[in-house]
Amino acid sequence: LLRAFKPAKYYTLASMERGNWSQPHYALHEALYTHFTSPIRRYADLLVHRQLLASVDREPEPDSGAEELIATVMRCNDMRLKARSAGESSGALYFAAYVRHAGQVVEDAVIVEVLDRSIDVLLVTYAGTFRVHCNSLDL
C-alpha cells in the first residue's frame, strides 16, 4: 500500500522554478513544507537544521552555495533510495533462505500486482511483498 504514494524526495527551493514546485504532500496537501528529525540521525536533517537556524538569524549562513546544496540534496536522495533498495533486497534474501530451509510456505496473501510472468503478493505474516514466478507454481 505504501508504494501507491509517490516516494518522498529532498529538494531545495533553489532547484525549483517558482510556481513549479513539487506535488503537494499527499497527507498535508501542502506544496512547501519541511520535515526533519534529530540532526544526529541523518545528514539531510542536519542540512535542514542549518538552513532553519540561518533563516531565523541564530546561526550564520551555511558556507555552501545553492549549487553545492542542490548537489548534496541530490546525493541524499540517491543514498536514501540505495539504502531502501538494500534493505528490501536483504529482506528478500533472508526470506528466500528461510523458505529454502523450512520448505514450502503456505500463507494467506494479498495480490499487489499482476505482471506478465509473475505475481507480487503481500505476506502480512512476514511483513513483506514478494514476487511469485508463475513457472514455479505447481498448477
C-alpha atoms as a PDB file:
ATOM      1  CA  LEU A   1       0.000   0.000   0.000  1.00  0.00           C
ATOM      2  CA  LEU A   2       2.867   2.362   0.682  1.00  0.00           C
ATOM      3  CA  ARG A   3       4.016   2.084  -2.921  1.00  0.00           C
ATOM      4  CA  ALA A   4       0.783   3.724  -4.063  1.00  0.00           C
ATOM      5  CA  PHE A   5       2.191   7.043  -2.875  1.00  0.00           C
ATOM      6  CA  LYS A   6       4.933   8.825  -4.740  1.00  0.00           C
ATOM      7  CA  PRO A   7       8.233   8.421  -2.832  1.00  0.00           C
ATOM      8  CA  ALA A   8       9.332  11.481  -0.908  1.00  0.00           C
ATOM      9  CA  LYS A   9      12.348  13.379  -2.218  1.00  0.00           C
ATOM     10  CA  TYR A  10      14.548  16.020  -0.699  1.00  0.00           C
ATOM     11  CA  TYR A  11      14.799  19.223  -2.711  1.00  0.00           C
ATOM     12  CA  THR A  12      15.763  22.846  -2.336  1.00  0.00           C
ATOM     13  CA  LEU A  13      13.714  25.816  -3.458  1.00  0.00           C
ATOM     14  CA  ALA A  14      16.779  26.985  -5.367  1.00  0.00           C
ATOM     15  CA  SER A  15      16.456  23.872  -7.539  1.00  0.00           C
ATOM     16  CA  MET A  16      12.804  24.573  -8.394  1.00  0.00           C
ATOM     17  CA  GLU A  17      11.297  27.255 -10.575  1.00  0.00           C
ATOM     18  CA  ARG A  18       8.806  29.469  -8.761  1.00  0.00           C
ATOM     19  CA  GLY A  19       5.305  28.081  -9.238  1.00  0.00           C
ATOM     20  CA  ASN A  20       6.707  24.748 -10.429  1.00  0.00           C
ATOM     21  CA  TRP A  21       7.240  23.231  -7.007  1.00  0.00           C
ATOM     22  CA  SER A  22       6.798  19.552  -6.368  1.00  0.00           C
ATOM     23  CA  GLN A  23       3.464  17.832  -5.950  1.00  0.00           C
ATOM     24  CA  PRO A  24       1.835  18.634  -2.623  1.00  0.00           C
ATOM     25  CA  HIS A  25       2.420  16.312   0.306  1.00  0.00           C
ATOM     26  CA  TYR A  26      -0.200  13.558  -0.012  1.00  0.00           C
ATOM     27  CA  ALA A  27      -1.494  13.910   3.574  1.00  0.00           C
ATOM     28  CA  LEU A  28      -0.744  17.549   4.397  1.00  0.00           C
ATOM     29  CA  HIS A  29      -1.689  18.759   0.911  1.00  0.00           C
ATOM     30  CA  GLU A  30       0.943  21.475   1.208  1.00  0.00           C
ATOM     31  CA  ALA A  31       3.346  22.220  -1.631  1.00  0.00           C
ATOM     32  CA  LEU A  32       6.012  23.692   0.661  1.00  0.00           C
ATOM     33  CA  TYR A  33       6.853  22.054   3.938  1.00  0.00           C
ATOM     34  CA  THR A  34       9.848  20.718   5.773  1.00  0.00           C
ATOM     35  CA  HIS A  35      10.363  17.506   7.666  1.00  0.00           C
ATOM     36  CA  PHE A  36      13.264  16.612   9.881  1.00  0.00           C
ATOM     37  CA  THR A  37      14.237  14.651  12.930  1.00  0.00           C
ATOM     38  CA  SER A  38      17.222  14.831  15.212  1.00  0.00           C
ATOM     39  CA  PRO A  39      20.284  16.037  13.293  1.00  0.00           C
ATOM     40  CA  ILE A  40      22.297  13.082  14.615  1.00  0.00           C
ATOM     41  CA  ARG A  41      20.074  10.693  12.687  1.00  0.00           C
ATOM     42  CA  ARG A  42      20.505  11.711   9.043  1.00  0.00           C
ATOM     43  CA  TYR A  43      22.679  14.189   7.196  1.00  0.00           C
ATOM     44  CA  ALA A  44      19.620  15.595   5.399  1.00  0.00           C
ATOM     45  CA  ASP A  45      18.169  16.507   8.803  1.00  0.00           C
ATOM     46  CA  LEU A  46      21.378  18.309   9.705  1.00  0.00           C
ATOM     47  CA  LEU A  47      21.080  20.338   6.480  1.00  0.00           C
ATOM     48  CA  VAL A  48      17.503  21.316   7.370  1.00  0.00           C
ATOM     49  CA  HIS A  49      18.547  22.365  10.888  1.00  0.00           C
ATOM     50  CA  ARG A  50      21.356  24.522   9.469  1.00  0.00           C
ATOM     51  CA  GLN A  51      19.027  26.195   6.961  1.00  0.00           C
ATOM     52  CA  LEU A  52      16.331  26.845   9.571  1.00  0.00           C
ATOM     53  CA  LEU A  53      18.818  28.302  12.057  1.00  0.00           C
ATOM     54  CA  ALA A  54      20.221  30.570   9.365  1.00  0.00           C
ATOM     55  CA  SER A  55      16.713  31.687   8.382  1.00  0.00           C
ATOM     56  CA  VAL A  56      15.964  32.922  11.897  1.00  0.00           C
ATOM     57  CA  ASP A  57      19.426  34.537  12.214  1.00  0.00           C
ATOM     58  CA  ARG A  58      20.531  32.269  15.029  1.00  0.00           C
ATOM     59  CA  GLU A  59      23.459  30.973  13.013  1.00  0.00           C
ATOM     60  CA  PRO A  60      25.486  32.323  10.110  1.00  0.00           C
ATOM     61  CA  GLU A  61      24.514  31.281   6.590  1.00  0.00           C
ATOM     62  CA  PRO A  62      25.994  27.904   5.675  1.00  0.00           C
ATOM     63  CA  ASP A  63      29.208  28.241   3.667  1.00  0.00           C
ATOM     64  CA  SER A  64      27.937  26.191   0.758  1.00  0.00           C
ATOM     65  CA  GLY A  65      26.177  27.928  -2.088  1.00  0.00           C
ATOM     66  CA  ALA A  66      22.919  26.946  -3.721  1.00  0.00           C
ATOM     67  CA  GLU A  67      24.577  24.725  -6.349  1.00  0.00           C
ATOM     68  CA  GLU A  68      26.528  22.771  -3.730  1.00  0.00           C
ATOM     69  CA  LEU A  69      23.410  22.383  -1.597  1.00  0.00           C
ATOM     70  CA  ILE A  70      21.439  21.112  -4.616  1.00  0.00           C
ATOM     71  CA  ALA A  71      24.170  18.545  -5.340  1.00  0.00           C
ATOM     72  CA  THR A  72      24.192  17.440  -1.695  1.00  0.00           C
ATOM     73  CA  VAL A  73      20.407  17.071  -1.630  1.00  0.00           C
ATOM     74  CA  MET A  74      20.505  15.015  -4.846  1.00  0.00           C
ATOM     75  CA  ARG A  75      23.131  12.763  -3.265  1.00  0.00           C
ATOM     76  CA  CYS A  76      20.964  12.384  -0.139  1.00  0.00           C
ATOM     77  CA  ASN A  77      18.063  11.266  -2.375  1.00  0.00           C
ATOM     78  CA  ASP A  78      20.304   8.783  -4.187  1.00  0.00           C
ATOM     79  CA  MET A  79      21.714   7.339  -0.955  1.00  0.00           C
ATOM     80  CA  ARG A  80      18.240   7.064   0.609  1.00  0.00           C
ATOM     81  CA  LEU A  81      16.972   5.089  -2.401  1.00  0.00           C
ATOM     82  CA  LYS A  82      20.036   2.837  -2.354  1.00  0.00           C
ATOM     83  CA  ALA A  83      19.594   2.181   1.381  1.00  0.00           C
ATOM     84  CA  ARG A  84      15.931   1.341   0.874  1.00  0.00           C
ATOM     85  CA  SER A  85      16.758  -0.975  -2.026  1.00  0.00           C
ATOM     86  CA  ALA A  86      19.475  -2.691   0.018  1.00  0.00           C
ATOM     87  CA  GLY A  87      17.032  -3.214   2.887  1.00  0.00           C
ATOM     88  CA  GLU A  88      14.410  -4.693   0.575  1.00  0.00           C
ATOM     89  CA  SER A  89      16.986  -6.951  -1.087  1.00  0.00           C
ATOM     90  CA  SER A  90      18.269  -8.094   2.294  1.00  0.00           C
ATOM     91  CA  GLY A  91      14.747  -8.968   3.419  1.00  0.00           C
ATOM     92  CA  ALA A  92      14.082 -10.895   0.191  1.00  0.00           C
ATOM     93  CA  LEU A  93      17.363 -12.790   0.546  1.00  0.00           C
ATOM     94  CA  TYR A  94      16.598 -13.680   4.167  1.00  0.00           C
ATOM     95  CA  PHE A  95      13.091 -14.856   3.214  1.00  0.00           C
ATOM     96  CA  ALA A  96      14.470 -16.994   0.342  1.00  0.00           C
ATOM     97  CA  ALA A  97      16.944 -18.619   2.748  1.00  0.00           C
ATOM     98  CA  TYR A  98      14.125 -19.230   5.217  1.00  0.00           C
ATOM     99  CA  VAL A  99      11.934 -20.895   2.551  1.00  0.00           C
ATOM    100  CA  ARG A 100      14.868 -22.979   1.339  1.00  0.00           C
ATOM    101  CA  HIS A 101      15.433 -24.183   4.919  1.00  0.00           C
ATOM    102  CA  ALA A 102      11.794 -24.552   6.051  1.00  0.00           C
ATOM    103  CA  GLY A 103      10.320 -25.825   2.801  1.00  0.00           C
ATOM    104  CA  GLN A 104       7.036 -24.777   1.253  1.00  0.00           C
ATOM    105  CA  VAL A 105       5.299 -21.796   2.852  1.00  0.00           C
ATOM    106  CA  VAL A 106       1.504 -21.709   2.783  1.00  0.00           C
ATOM    107  CA  GLU A 107       0.042 -18.365   3.860  1.00  0.00           C
ATOM    108  CA  ASP A 108      -2.868 -16.104   3.029  1.00  0.00           C
ATOM    109  CA  ALA A 109      -1.644 -13.349   0.741  1.00  0.00           C
ATOM    110  CA  VAL A 110      -2.879 -10.164  -0.864  1.00  0.00           C
ATOM    111  CA  ILE A 111      -2.144  -9.774  -4.557  1.00  0.00           C
ATOM    112  CA  VAL A 112      -0.414  -6.444  -5.022  1.00  0.00           C
ATOM    113  CA  GLU A 113       0.427  -6.577  -8.734  1.00  0.00           C
ATOM    114  CA  VAL A 114      -0.039  -8.983 -11.630  1.00  0.00           C
ATOM    115  CA  LEU A 115       2.769  -8.996 -14.178  1.00  0.00           C
ATOM    116  CA  ASP A 116       3.299 -10.999 -17.390  1.00  0.00           C
ATOM    117  CA  ARG A 117       5.019 -13.981 -15.775  1.00  0.00           C
ATOM    118  CA  SER A 118       4.800 -13.274 -12.063  1.00  0.00           C
ATOM    119  CA  ILE A 119       2.595 -12.016  -9.272  1.00  0.00           C
ATOM    120  CA  ASP A 120       3.659  -9.720  -6.436  1.00  0.00           C
ATOM    121  CA  VAL A 121       1.994 -10.723  -3.169  1.00  0.00           C
ATOM    122  CA  LEU A 122       1.925  -9.168   0.280  1.00  0.00           C
ATOM    123  CA  LEU A 123       2.514 -11.688   3.054  1.00  0.00           C
ATOM    124  CA  VAL A 124       1.373  -9.962   6.230  1.00  0.00           C
ATOM    125  CA  THR A 125       2.849 -12.683   8.469  1.00  0.00           C
ATOM    126  CA  TYR A 126       6.294 -11.990   7.009  1.00  0.00           C
ATOM    127  CA  ALA A 127       5.791  -8.212   6.657  1.00  0.00           C
ATOM    128  CA  GLY A 128       6.851  -8.028   3.057  1.00  0.00           C
ATOM    129  CA  THR A 129       5.945  -8.098  -0.602  1.00  0.00           C
ATOM    130  CA  PHE A 130       7.359 -10.997  -2.569  1.00  0.00           C
ATOM    131  CA  ARG A 131       7.378 -11.950  -6.248  1.00  0.00           C
ATOM    132  CA  VAL A 132       5.981 -15.362  -7.167  1.00  0.00           C
ATOM    133  CA  HIS A 133       7.107 -16.520 -10.606  1.00  0.00           C
ATOM    134  CA  CYS A 134       4.302 -18.325 -12.431  1.00  0.00           C
ATOM    135  CA  ASN A 135       6.642 -21.006 -13.832  1.00  0.00           C
ATOM    136  CA  SER A 136       7.453 -22.026 -10.240  1.00  0.00           C
ATOM    137  CA  LEU A 137       3.792 -22.679  -9.369  1.00  0.00           C
ATOM    138  CA  ASP A 138       2.524 -26.239  -9.270  1.00  0.00           C
ATOM    139  CA  LEU A 139      -0.647 -25.687 -11.313  1.00  0.00           C
END
